[in-house]
Protein backbone atom coordinates (compact mmCIF):
# COMPACT_ATOMS: atom_id res chain seq x y z
CA MET A 1 -75.87 5.33 1.03
CA ASP A 2 -73.46 3.86 -1.37
CA TYR A 3 -70.26 4.98 0.19
CA LYS A 4 -68.08 3.34 -2.43
CA ASN A 5 -69.68 5.25 -5.04
CA LEU A 6 -69.65 8.51 -3.00
CA LEU A 7 -65.89 8.07 -2.56
CA GLU A 8 -65.47 7.47 -6.30
CA VAL A 9 -67.58 10.62 -7.18
CA ILE A 10 -65.08 12.56 -4.76
CA LEU A 11 -62.21 11.03 -6.21
CA THR A 12 -63.25 11.77 -9.78
CA ASN A 13 -63.94 15.42 -9.14
CA LEU A 14 -60.64 16.23 -7.19
CA ASP A 15 -58.04 18.51 -8.72
CA GLU A 16 -55.48 16.13 -6.35
CA GLY A 17 -54.19 12.86 -7.78
CA ILE A 18 -53.75 9.92 -5.63
CA ILE A 19 -51.21 7.32 -5.91
CA VAL A 20 -50.84 4.21 -3.39
CA VAL A 21 -47.68 2.04 -3.78
CA ASP A 22 -46.84 -1.31 -1.88
CA LYS A 23 -43.14 -1.66 -0.02
CA ASN A 24 -41.65 -2.33 -3.22
CA ALA A 25 -43.01 0.83 -5.00
CA ASN A 26 -45.20 -0.99 -7.13
CA VAL A 27 -48.44 0.93 -7.77
CA THR A 28 -51.59 -0.69 -6.37
CA PHE A 29 -54.15 2.27 -6.60
CA PHE A 30 -53.95 5.41 -8.90
CA ASN A 31 -56.28 8.03 -9.61
CA GLU A 32 -55.36 10.89 -11.95
CA PRO A 33 -57.52 14.21 -11.67
CA ALA A 34 -58.92 15.66 -14.83
CA THR A 35 -55.96 17.94 -15.33
CA GLU A 36 -53.85 14.81 -16.23
CA ILE A 37 -50.76 15.95 -14.23
CA ALA A 38 -49.04 12.81 -14.77
CA GLY A 39 -50.47 11.95 -18.25
CA LEU A 40 -51.19 8.28 -17.42
CA ASP A 41 -54.07 5.76 -17.87
CA PRO A 42 -54.89 4.87 -14.42
CA GLY A 43 -55.55 1.22 -15.81
CA LYS A 44 -52.27 0.64 -17.27
CA ALA A 45 -50.36 2.15 -14.19
CA LEU A 46 -51.53 -0.62 -11.73
CA GLY A 47 -48.55 -3.38 -11.06
CA LYS A 48 -45.96 -1.21 -12.45
CA ASN A 49 -42.93 0.29 -10.68
CA ILE A 50 -43.01 4.36 -9.74
CA LEU A 51 -39.73 4.63 -11.30
CA GLU A 52 -41.22 3.17 -14.80
CA LEU A 53 -44.12 5.55 -14.72
CA PHE A 54 -41.85 8.50 -13.91
CA PRO A 55 -38.73 7.94 -16.04
CA ASP A 56 -37.18 11.34 -14.78
CA LEU A 57 -37.07 10.24 -11.28
CA THR A 58 -34.34 7.91 -9.45
CA GLU A 59 -34.40 5.81 -5.86
CA LYS A 60 -32.45 9.03 -4.68
CA THR A 61 -34.82 11.91 -5.94
CA SER A 62 -38.48 9.95 -5.53
CA THR A 63 -40.43 10.96 -2.93
CA PHE A 64 -41.92 7.37 -2.35
CA TYR A 65 -38.60 5.74 -2.16
CA ASN A 66 -37.49 8.37 0.58
CA VAL A 67 -40.87 7.34 2.58
CA LEU A 68 -40.24 3.87 2.07
CA LYS A 69 -36.86 4.00 3.26
CA ASN A 70 -37.24 6.33 6.14
CA LYS A 71 -40.46 5.27 7.27
CA ARG A 72 -41.39 9.14 7.93
CA PRO A 73 -44.01 11.17 5.90
CA LEU A 74 -42.78 13.86 3.64
CA ILE A 75 -45.44 16.77 3.54
CA ASP A 76 -45.54 19.59 0.88
CA TYR A 77 -42.53 18.71 -1.18
CA VAL A 78 -42.33 20.58 -4.71
CA GLN A 79 -40.70 18.67 -7.31
CA THR A 80 -40.44 19.49 -11.17
CA TYR A 81 -40.25 16.61 -13.90
CA THR A 82 -41.08 15.62 -17.21
CA ASN A 83 -44.52 13.54 -17.41
CA ILE A 84 -44.75 10.16 -19.75
CA LYS A 85 -46.21 12.65 -22.46
CA GLY A 86 -43.18 14.89 -22.42
CA LYS A 87 -44.82 17.77 -20.71
CA LYS A 88 -43.03 19.60 -17.72
CA VAL A 89 -45.07 19.62 -14.82
CA THR A 90 -44.34 21.08 -11.20
CA ILE A 91 -46.45 19.49 -8.42
CA VAL A 92 -46.75 19.50 -4.49
CA THR A 93 -46.58 16.22 -2.95
CA SER A 94 -47.38 14.78 0.65
CA THR A 95 -46.46 11.04 0.80
CA MET A 96 -47.05 8.99 3.96
CA PRO A 97 -46.07 5.44 4.67
CA ILE A 98 -48.61 2.97 5.34
CA ILE A 99 -48.15 0.82 8.69
CA GLN A 100 -50.25 -2.09 9.42
CA ASN A 101 -49.65 -4.23 12.60
CA GLY A 102 -46.28 -2.37 13.16
CA GLU A 103 -45.13 -3.36 9.68
CA LEU A 104 -44.66 -1.26 6.67
CA ILE A 105 -46.64 -2.44 3.84
CA GLY A 106 -46.54 0.46 1.35
CA ALA A 107 -47.14 4.58 1.06
CA VAL A 108 -49.81 6.87 -0.43
CA GLU A 109 -49.17 10.08 -1.94
CA ILE A 110 -51.53 13.04 -2.65
CA TYR A 111 -50.52 15.58 -5.33
CA ARG A 112 -51.95 18.61 -7.11
CA ASP A 113 -50.26 20.63 -9.91
CA ILE A 114 -48.90 23.76 -9.28
CA THR A 115 -47.19 24.39 -12.76
CA ASN A 116 -48.96 27.84 -13.33
CA LEU A 117 -47.51 29.08 -10.21
CA LYS A 118 -44.20 28.08 -10.98
CA ASP A 119 -43.25 31.39 -12.81
CA LEU A 120 -44.64 33.48 -9.68
CA ALA A 121 -42.79 31.32 -7.35
CA GLU A 122 -39.57 32.14 -9.47
CA LYS A 123 -40.08 35.61 -9.40
CA ILE A 124 -40.72 35.81 -5.80
CA VAL A 125 -37.31 33.57 -5.11
CA SER A 126 -35.55 35.91 -7.38
CA LEU A 127 -36.81 39.19 -5.52
CA GLN A 128 -35.76 37.34 -2.37
CA LYS A 129 -32.30 36.79 -3.62
CA GLU A 130 -31.92 40.46 -4.59
CA LEU A 131 -33.12 41.56 -1.30
CA TYR A 132 -30.88 39.30 0.40
CA TYR A 133 -27.69 40.79 -1.51
CA LYS A 134 -28.98 44.32 -0.71
CA SER A 135 -29.58 43.77 3.06
CA LYS A 136 -27.10 45.14 5.44
CA ASN A 137 -28.04 42.52 7.97
CA PRO A 138 -27.90 39.12 6.12
CA GLU A 139 -28.41 37.53 9.33
CA LYS A 140 -31.92 38.54 9.48
CA TYR A 141 -32.53 36.53 6.25
CA SER A 142 -35.76 34.54 7.29
CA GLY A 143 -34.88 31.37 5.04
CA ASN A 144 -32.82 28.22 5.85
CA GLY A 145 -29.86 30.36 5.77
CA THR A 146 -28.94 29.73 2.29
CA ILE A 147 -29.27 31.62 -1.23
CA TYR A 148 -27.61 29.45 -3.61
CA THR A 149 -28.93 26.08 -5.65
CA PHE A 150 -27.54 24.12 -8.45
CA ASP A 151 -28.93 26.74 -10.94
CA ASP A 152 -26.54 29.43 -9.38
CA ILE A 153 -23.35 27.46 -10.44
CA ILE A 154 -22.08 28.97 -13.69
CA GLY A 155 -19.99 27.57 -16.19
CA LYS A 156 -19.46 25.35 -19.31
CA SER A 157 -16.46 23.64 -18.80
CA LYS A 158 -16.12 20.09 -18.64
CA ILE A 159 -14.99 19.76 -14.98
CA ILE A 160 -17.68 22.14 -13.68
CA GLU A 161 -20.31 20.02 -15.30
CA GLU A 162 -19.13 16.86 -13.80
CA LEU A 163 -18.87 18.41 -10.46
CA LYS A 164 -22.42 19.67 -10.46
CA ASN A 165 -23.51 16.11 -11.51
CA LYS A 166 -21.49 14.59 -8.83
CA ALA A 167 -22.66 16.77 -6.27
CA TYR A 168 -26.15 16.17 -7.39
CA ARG A 169 -26.03 12.35 -7.15
CA VAL A 170 -24.64 12.67 -3.25
CA ALA A 171 -27.14 15.60 -2.48
CA ASN A 172 -29.63 13.32 -0.72
CA SER A 173 -26.82 11.19 1.34
CA ASP A 174 -26.02 11.83 5.06
CA SER A 175 -22.58 11.18 4.48
CA PRO A 176 -19.84 13.83 5.47
CA ILE A 177 -18.32 16.02 2.39
CA PHE A 178 -14.85 17.64 2.21
CA ILE A 179 -14.32 20.27 -0.59
CA TYR A 180 -10.99 22.19 -1.29
CA GLY A 181 -9.86 24.58 -3.58
CA GLU A 182 -8.32 28.17 -3.78
CA THR A 183 -10.15 31.01 -1.92
CA GLY A 184 -12.91 32.23 -4.14
CA VAL A 185 -13.52 29.29 -6.41
CA GLY A 186 -17.17 28.80 -4.92
CA LYS A 187 -16.99 25.99 -2.19
CA GLU A 188 -19.95 27.50 -0.06
CA LEU A 189 -21.81 27.65 -3.24
CA PHE A 190 -21.70 24.06 -3.89
CA VAL A 191 -22.26 23.38 -0.24
CA GLN A 192 -25.65 25.36 -0.13
CA ALA A 193 -26.54 23.81 -3.29
CA ILE A 194 -26.26 20.16 -2.08
CA HIS A 195 -28.05 21.15 1.17
CA ASN A 196 -31.09 22.72 -0.83
CA ALA A 197 -31.13 19.73 -3.08
CA ASN A 198 -31.31 17.43 0.10
CA ILE A 199 -35.16 16.07 0.38
CA LYS A 200 -34.68 15.37 4.15
CA ARG A 201 -32.65 18.68 5.01
CA CYS A 202 -33.74 21.42 2.48
CA LYS A 203 -35.90 22.93 5.01
CA LYS A 204 -33.73 22.57 7.74
CA PRO A 205 -31.01 25.10 8.92
CA PHE A 206 -27.68 25.70 7.07
CA ILE A 207 -25.19 27.22 9.33
CA ALA A 208 -21.77 28.09 8.09
CA GLN A 209 -18.47 28.83 10.23
CA ASN A 210 -15.15 29.92 9.29
CA CYS A 211 -12.87 28.35 11.68
CA ALA A 212 -10.23 31.00 10.93
CA ALA A 213 -12.32 33.67 11.84
CA ILE A 214 -12.99 32.55 15.69
CA PRO A 215 -9.88 32.43 18.09
CA ARG A 216 -9.24 28.97 18.90
CA THR A 217 -10.17 29.28 22.40
CA LEU A 218 -13.58 30.23 21.83
CA LEU A 219 -14.47 27.92 18.64
CA GLU A 220 -15.21 24.95 20.88
CA SER A 221 -17.97 26.69 22.80
CA ILE A 222 -19.21 28.21 19.69
CA LEU A 223 -19.52 24.63 18.04
CA PHE A 224 -20.45 22.56 21.04
CA GLY A 225 -22.25 25.35 23.50
CA ILE A 226 -22.08 26.30 27.14
CA SER A 227 -23.31 24.70 29.96
CA ALA A 228 -24.46 26.87 32.84
CA GLY A 229 -21.91 27.01 35.45
CA SER A 230 -19.17 26.01 33.44
CA PHE A 231 -17.35 29.16 34.18
CA THR A 232 -18.27 32.26 36.50
CA GLY A 233 -21.46 34.11 34.89
CA ALA A 234 -21.86 31.21 32.37
CA LYS A 235 -25.32 30.64 31.11
CA GLU A 236 -26.81 27.76 29.17
CA LYS A 237 -26.28 28.44 25.59
CA ALA A 238 -26.62 25.85 22.46
CA GLY A 239 -23.88 25.48 20.13
CA LEU A 240 -23.94 25.30 16.31
CA PHE A 241 -24.46 21.55 16.52
CA GLU A 242 -27.87 21.82 18.31
CA LEU A 243 -28.87 24.70 16.06
CA ALA A 244 -28.13 22.88 12.92
CA ASN A 245 -29.83 19.74 14.01
CA GLU A 246 -31.35 17.85 11.07
CA GLY A 247 -29.76 20.17 8.75
CA THR A 248 -26.01 21.01 7.62
CA LEU A 249 -22.94 22.45 9.34
CA TYR A 250 -20.41 23.87 7.03
CA LEU A 251 -16.84 24.18 8.43
CA ASP A 252 -14.65 26.47 6.36
CA GLU A 253 -10.91 26.42 6.59
CA ILE A 254 -11.18 23.57 9.13
CA ASN A 255 -7.25 23.36 9.01
CA SER A 256 -7.35 26.40 10.97
CA MET A 257 -9.00 24.33 13.91
CA ASP A 258 -6.94 23.22 16.93
CA LEU A 259 -5.77 19.68 16.81
CA GLU A 260 -7.52 19.07 20.09
CA LEU A 261 -10.64 20.33 18.75
CA GLN A 262 -10.42 18.40 15.89
CA ALA A 263 -10.09 15.03 17.73
CA LYS A 264 -13.51 16.06 19.36
CA LEU A 265 -15.19 16.68 16.01
CA LEU A 266 -13.96 13.22 15.07
CA ARG A 267 -15.80 11.72 17.94
CA VAL A 268 -18.98 13.68 16.62
CA LEU A 269 -18.60 12.19 13.31
CA GLN A 270 -18.29 8.63 14.87
CA ASP A 271 -21.07 8.65 17.24
CA GLY A 272 -23.55 11.55 16.86
CA PHE A 273 -23.30 12.83 20.48
CA ILE A 274 -22.08 16.33 21.36
CA ARG A 275 -21.41 17.74 24.82
CA ARG A 276 -21.42 21.41 26.01
CA VAL A 277 -18.57 22.87 27.38
CA GLY A 278 -18.64 22.15 31.22
CA GLY A 279 -21.42 20.04 30.92
CA GLU A 280 -21.98 16.28 31.66
CA LYS A 281 -24.98 15.53 29.55
CA ALA A 282 -24.30 14.14 26.00
CA PHE A 283 -26.96 15.58 23.18
CA LYS A 284 -27.69 13.27 20.02
CA VAL A 285 -27.62 15.49 17.09
CA ASP A 286 -28.26 14.71 13.41
CA VAL A 287 -26.31 16.93 11.32
CA ARG A 288 -24.57 16.60 7.98
CA ILE A 289 -21.09 17.91 8.33
CA THR A 290 -19.18 19.46 5.50
CA ALA A 291 -15.81 20.93 5.68
CA SER A 292 -13.26 22.62 3.22
CA SER A 293 -9.87 24.17 3.06
CA ASN A 294 -8.12 26.08 0.52
CA GLU A 295 -5.11 24.04 0.45
CA ASP A 296 -4.48 20.40 -0.67
CA PRO A 297 -5.59 18.16 2.08
CA LYS A 298 -2.56 15.68 1.94
CA MET A 299 -0.26 18.75 2.32
CA LEU A 300 -2.11 19.64 5.48
CA ILE A 301 -1.73 16.34 6.97
CA GLU A 302 2.12 16.41 6.19
CA LYS A 303 2.30 19.63 8.01
CA GLY A 304 0.56 18.27 11.00
CA ILE A 305 -1.95 20.82 10.65
CA LEU A 306 -4.84 18.68 9.96
CA ARG A 307 -5.53 15.22 11.68
CA GLN A 308 -5.28 12.26 9.05
CA ASP A 309 -8.05 10.25 11.00
CA LEU A 310 -10.11 13.01 10.84
CA PHE A 311 -9.61 13.95 6.99
CA TYR A 312 -10.32 10.29 6.29
CA ARG A 313 -13.75 10.49 8.19
CA LEU A 314 -14.68 13.44 6.13
CA HIS A 315 -13.34 12.31 3.15
CA VAL A 316 -16.11 9.96 2.47
CA ILE A 317 -17.13 12.26 -0.38
CA SER A 318 -14.61 14.72 -1.56
CA PHE A 319 -14.81 17.69 -4.25
CA TYR A 320 -11.54 19.57 -5.77
CA ILE A 321 -12.82 22.84 -7.38
CA PRO A 322 -9.79 24.15 -9.87
CA PRO A 323 -9.15 27.78 -9.66
CA LEU A 324 -10.37 29.72 -12.69
CA ARG A 325 -7.40 30.15 -14.58
CA GLU A 326 -7.40 26.28 -15.30
CA ARG A 327 -11.05 26.49 -16.81
CA LYS A 328 -11.03 29.69 -18.67
CA GLU A 329 -13.82 28.68 -20.95
CA ASP A 330 -15.95 29.47 -17.85
CA ILE A 331 -14.87 33.41 -17.83
CA PRO A 332 -17.13 34.56 -20.63
CA VAL A 333 -20.12 32.73 -19.22
CA LEU A 334 -19.41 34.06 -16.07
CA ILE A 335 -18.76 37.73 -17.18
CA GLU A 336 -22.19 37.49 -18.92
CA TYR A 337 -24.22 36.25 -16.12
CA PHE A 338 -22.69 38.96 -13.61
CA LEU A 339 -23.24 41.63 -16.04
CA LYS A 340 -26.88 40.72 -16.38
CA HIS A 341 -26.86 40.72 -12.73
CA PHE A 342 -25.31 43.93 -12.11
CA ASN A 343 -27.28 45.67 -15.12
CA LYS A 344 -30.38 44.69 -12.98
CA LYS A 345 -28.87 45.95 -9.71
CA LEU A 346 -27.42 49.02 -10.82
CA ASN A 347 -29.95 49.96 -13.59
CA LYS A 348 -27.35 49.92 -16.25
CA LYS A 349 -27.63 48.54 -20.08
CA ILE A 350 -24.58 47.17 -20.76
CA THR A 351 -24.95 44.99 -23.66
CA GLY A 352 -21.84 43.14 -23.93
CA ILE A 353 -17.80 43.30 -24.13
CA LYS A 354 -15.40 43.92 -26.81
CA GLU A 355 -13.05 41.37 -28.19
CA ASP A 356 -9.86 42.70 -27.15
CA ALA A 357 -11.36 43.43 -23.44
CA MET A 358 -12.44 39.88 -23.23
CA THR A 359 -9.25 38.77 -24.49
CA LEU A 360 -7.55 40.73 -21.66
CA LEU A 361 -9.97 39.17 -18.92
CA VAL A 362 -9.58 35.84 -20.39
CA SER A 363 -5.78 36.19 -20.17
CA TYR A 364 -5.66 37.44 -16.49
CA HIS A 365 -4.55 34.59 -14.27
CA TRP A 366 -7.42 35.70 -11.49
CA PRO A 367 -5.87 34.85 -8.32
CA GLY A 368 -8.94 35.61 -6.13
CA ASN A 369 -11.02 33.49 -8.68
CA VAL A 370 -14.76 33.77 -9.38
CA ARG A 371 -15.11 36.23 -6.33
CA GLU A 372 -12.47 38.32 -7.69
CA LEU A 373 -13.97 38.45 -11.27
CA ARG A 374 -17.39 39.20 -9.80
CA SER A 375 -15.86 42.18 -8.06
CA VAL A 376 -14.19 43.34 -11.16
CA ILE A 377 -17.49 43.12 -13.20
CA GLU A 378 -19.29 44.98 -10.57
CA ASN A 379 -16.71 47.72 -10.59
CA ILE A 380 -16.55 48.03 -14.37
CA ALA A 381 -20.52 48.33 -14.24
CA ASN A 382 -20.53 51.00 -11.47
CA PHE A 383 -18.09 53.35 -13.66
CA SER A 384 -19.09 52.32 -17.43
CA GLU A 385 -21.08 54.80 -19.34
CA ASN A 386 -21.09 53.00 -22.54
CA SER A 387 -23.40 49.85 -23.90
CA LEU A 388 -20.08 47.63 -24.71
CA ILE A 389 -17.15 47.24 -22.05
CA SER A 390 -13.45 48.13 -23.54
CA THR A 391 -10.19 48.00 -22.44
CA GLU A 392 -10.40 51.28 -20.89
CA ASP A 393 -13.16 50.24 -18.54
CA ILE A 394 -10.92 47.37 -17.07
CA PRO A 395 -8.88 48.19 -13.93
CA ASP A 396 -5.36 49.13 -14.37
CA TYR A 397 -3.86 46.28 -12.12
CA ILE A 398 -5.23 43.76 -14.75
CA LYS A 399 -3.88 45.87 -17.81
CA ASN A 400 -0.61 46.31 -16.27
CA LEU A 401 1.03 43.09 -17.43
CA ASP A 402 4.56 44.39 -16.53
CA ASN A 403 3.64 44.54 -12.62
CA THR A 404 2.11 41.09 -13.34
CA SER A 405 5.52 39.65 -14.87
CA ASN A 406 7.60 41.17 -12.12
CA TYR A 407 5.29 39.62 -9.50
CA GLU A 408 5.45 36.48 -10.82
CA ASN A 409 9.03 36.37 -11.55
CA TYR A 410 9.69 37.31 -8.06
CA CYS A 411 7.58 34.68 -6.39
CA MET A 412 8.62 31.89 -9.10
CA GLU A 413 12.35 32.23 -9.10
CA VAL A 414 13.96 28.90 -8.83
CA PRO A 415 16.49 28.40 -6.55
CA GLU A 416 19.92 26.70 -7.81
CA ASN A 417 19.38 23.60 -5.92
CA ILE A 418 15.86 22.51 -6.72
CA GLN A 419 13.86 21.54 -3.46
CA SER A 420 11.14 19.09 -2.90
CA LEU A 421 7.57 20.22 -4.06
CA LYS A 422 6.74 20.78 -0.32
CA GLU A 423 9.45 23.03 0.17
CA MET A 424 9.01 24.93 -3.04
CA VAL A 425 5.42 25.37 -2.31
CA GLU A 426 6.42 26.81 1.11
CA THR A 427 9.08 29.03 -0.31
CA PHE A 428 6.73 30.55 -2.89
CA GLU A 429 4.02 31.01 -0.08
CA LYS A 430 6.59 32.71 2.05
CA LYS A 431 7.64 34.91 -0.88
CA LEU A 432 4.20 35.84 -1.79
CA ILE A 433 3.25 37.11 1.75
CA ILE A 434 6.60 39.22 1.88
CA PHE A 435 5.87 40.73 -1.24
CA THR A 436 2.12 41.64 -0.55
CA LEU A 437 3.30 42.90 2.76
CA GLN A 438 5.97 45.30 1.17
CA LYS A 439 2.99 46.57 -1.23
CA VAL A 440 0.95 47.40 1.63
CA ASN A 441 3.65 48.85 3.89
CA GLY A 442 3.03 46.04 6.69
CA ASN A 443 -0.87 46.65 6.69
CA LEU A 444 -1.95 43.13 7.84
CA SER A 445 -5.66 44.11 6.88
CA LYS A 446 -4.95 45.37 3.28
CA ALA A 447 -2.44 42.29 2.82
CA SER A 448 -5.14 39.68 3.93
CA ARG A 449 -7.67 41.35 1.31
CA ILE A 450 -5.42 40.89 -1.26
CA LEU A 451 -4.43 37.50 -0.78
CA LYS A 452 -8.24 36.69 -0.11
CA ILE A 453 -7.57 34.90 3.30
CA PRO A 454 -8.50 35.95 6.78
CA LYS A 455 -6.53 38.24 8.70
CA GLN A 456 -6.06 35.31 11.35
CA THR A 457 -4.75 32.78 8.85
CA LEU A 458 -2.24 35.33 7.40
CA HIS A 459 -1.14 36.08 11.21
CA ASN A 460 -0.64 32.41 11.65
CA LYS A 461 1.36 31.89 8.26
CA ILE A 462 3.82 35.22 9.18
CA LYS A 463 4.20 33.42 12.53
CA LYS A 464 4.58 29.94 11.01
CA TYR A 465 7.44 31.34 8.25
CA ASN A 466 8.83 33.61 10.99
CA ILE A 467 8.54 36.77 8.86
CA LYS A 468 9.76 39.65 10.86
CA LYS A 469 7.15 42.25 11.84
CA LYS A 470 9.47 45.00 10.79
CA ILE A 471 10.03 44.45 7.15
CA ASP A 472 12.58 46.55 5.01
CA PHE A 473 10.54 47.93 2.40
CA SER A 474 13.57 49.75 0.65
C-alpha cells in the first residue's frame, strides 16, 4: 500500500488544518482543510513567517511563538482572529514543539474551525456570569476564580482605552504588577482581565486576598501555609502561594501588610521559593504576583507603611486608574451598560435617562467611583416604574447639593499657614473620617461602608490619627 498517498487522502478530507514551522516560525508544511479557515493558498504559504500569514497576531499572542519559546505544548487553545481574506474566524488549536536529538527544530499545530459554536459559547459564558452574580455562595464558582475579561472594562475615555491597551500588551508577561487607584475604580477587574488574557495562566487559578481583611498575625500562615507541628494541634495546610501555583495571586491593599511580612514577600519575588510557617522545607512556586493599594505608593513609602524595596520589585509593571470624577465621559457609557444589566436581571424595561437626570449624575463627584455608580443604578432600577429615568428617581444624597457643599467646605477648609502637601492630605483624611463618624454616631461598620474601605483599615487610620473613640457629636 502507498502510505504516502493514503496520508494525502486523509489530510485532504480532514476538517482540521495542519501547520508545521521551523524554529524561526517559518512555515515548512501547510495543509488547509476544505473549510478554508485561514483562507490561504498552501503553496504560497511555504517559507513565510507565521506572523506574515496571520497579520492579526504578534509574538506575544501567537501560539507558535509561545510554544517555541517555552518548549511546552499548548493544548486546546481557543483564539479569534481575522484571516487573510478579512473573515473573522474562531479556532481551537493544539500546538506542540518538535524535538529532535534533544534540540528544538520547530513546532506543529493542528486546528479546527469552531466559529459556528462561538455564539453558543458566548451565551453559555453570559449565563455563567449571571449565575455567579446571583449565587449566594460565590466561593463555589467552578471556573478559575475570575468573572472578568477585557470586554468587561467599560469606558470611552482616552485614559481607559490607553490602560486597556497597555494591560493587554503585558498580559502574557510573568512580571509582577502594581495597580493603584481609589476604592471602587476597578483595580481587580483589570487584574482578572490580565489573568484571563495570559495564554499560559488563564486556565490556572486566580486567587485574590485583601490584606486588610485578615489580622496581621494570621496573614502569614494564610499566604505561606502551615507545617504540621508548628504549634499545638497544627495540621499540614497549603497557603495561597501553593494554591495559586502556575496562576495569579492578587494582593489587594498590600500596604496593610506587616513590614516584616513584606520582607518575606520580597524574598519570594526574588527567588520563587516559599516556606510554610513552622516548616523547614522550601517549595518552588510559579506564581504571578499582582498587588494594589488605594493610595499613592510613594506617599505610603514616605509614611513607612510600604517597603521601598518591595515596591520597586512590584513596580516592574504599574497602572494608575484615575477616579471616575476625572473621566466623566465614561459615566454615560457605564450608566447605559448597568441599565442593560439590571433590566435583564430585574426584568425591567428602562429605555434611557432624561437629560437633566443625566446632567445630575455626571456632575456628582462619585467618591465610591464605578462601584458606587453601579449601586445607584441598581437602586434606581429596583424602584423605577417608568421607561425613562428622571431626577425623581435619583437618590436624595446625590440631589442634595447643599449637603455636598457643606461636606466639601468642612473637609477642604484651608488653614492660615499652608502646610506641605503630605500634611494637607493627612489633615483632609482625618477630617473626612471625623465628619463621617459624626454622621453615623461613631458606628465603625457604617462609616467604613460610606468611606468604601475595610473596617480594619478604618480602625488603623483612627489609631494613626489618634481620633478619640468618644467623639462629641453636638
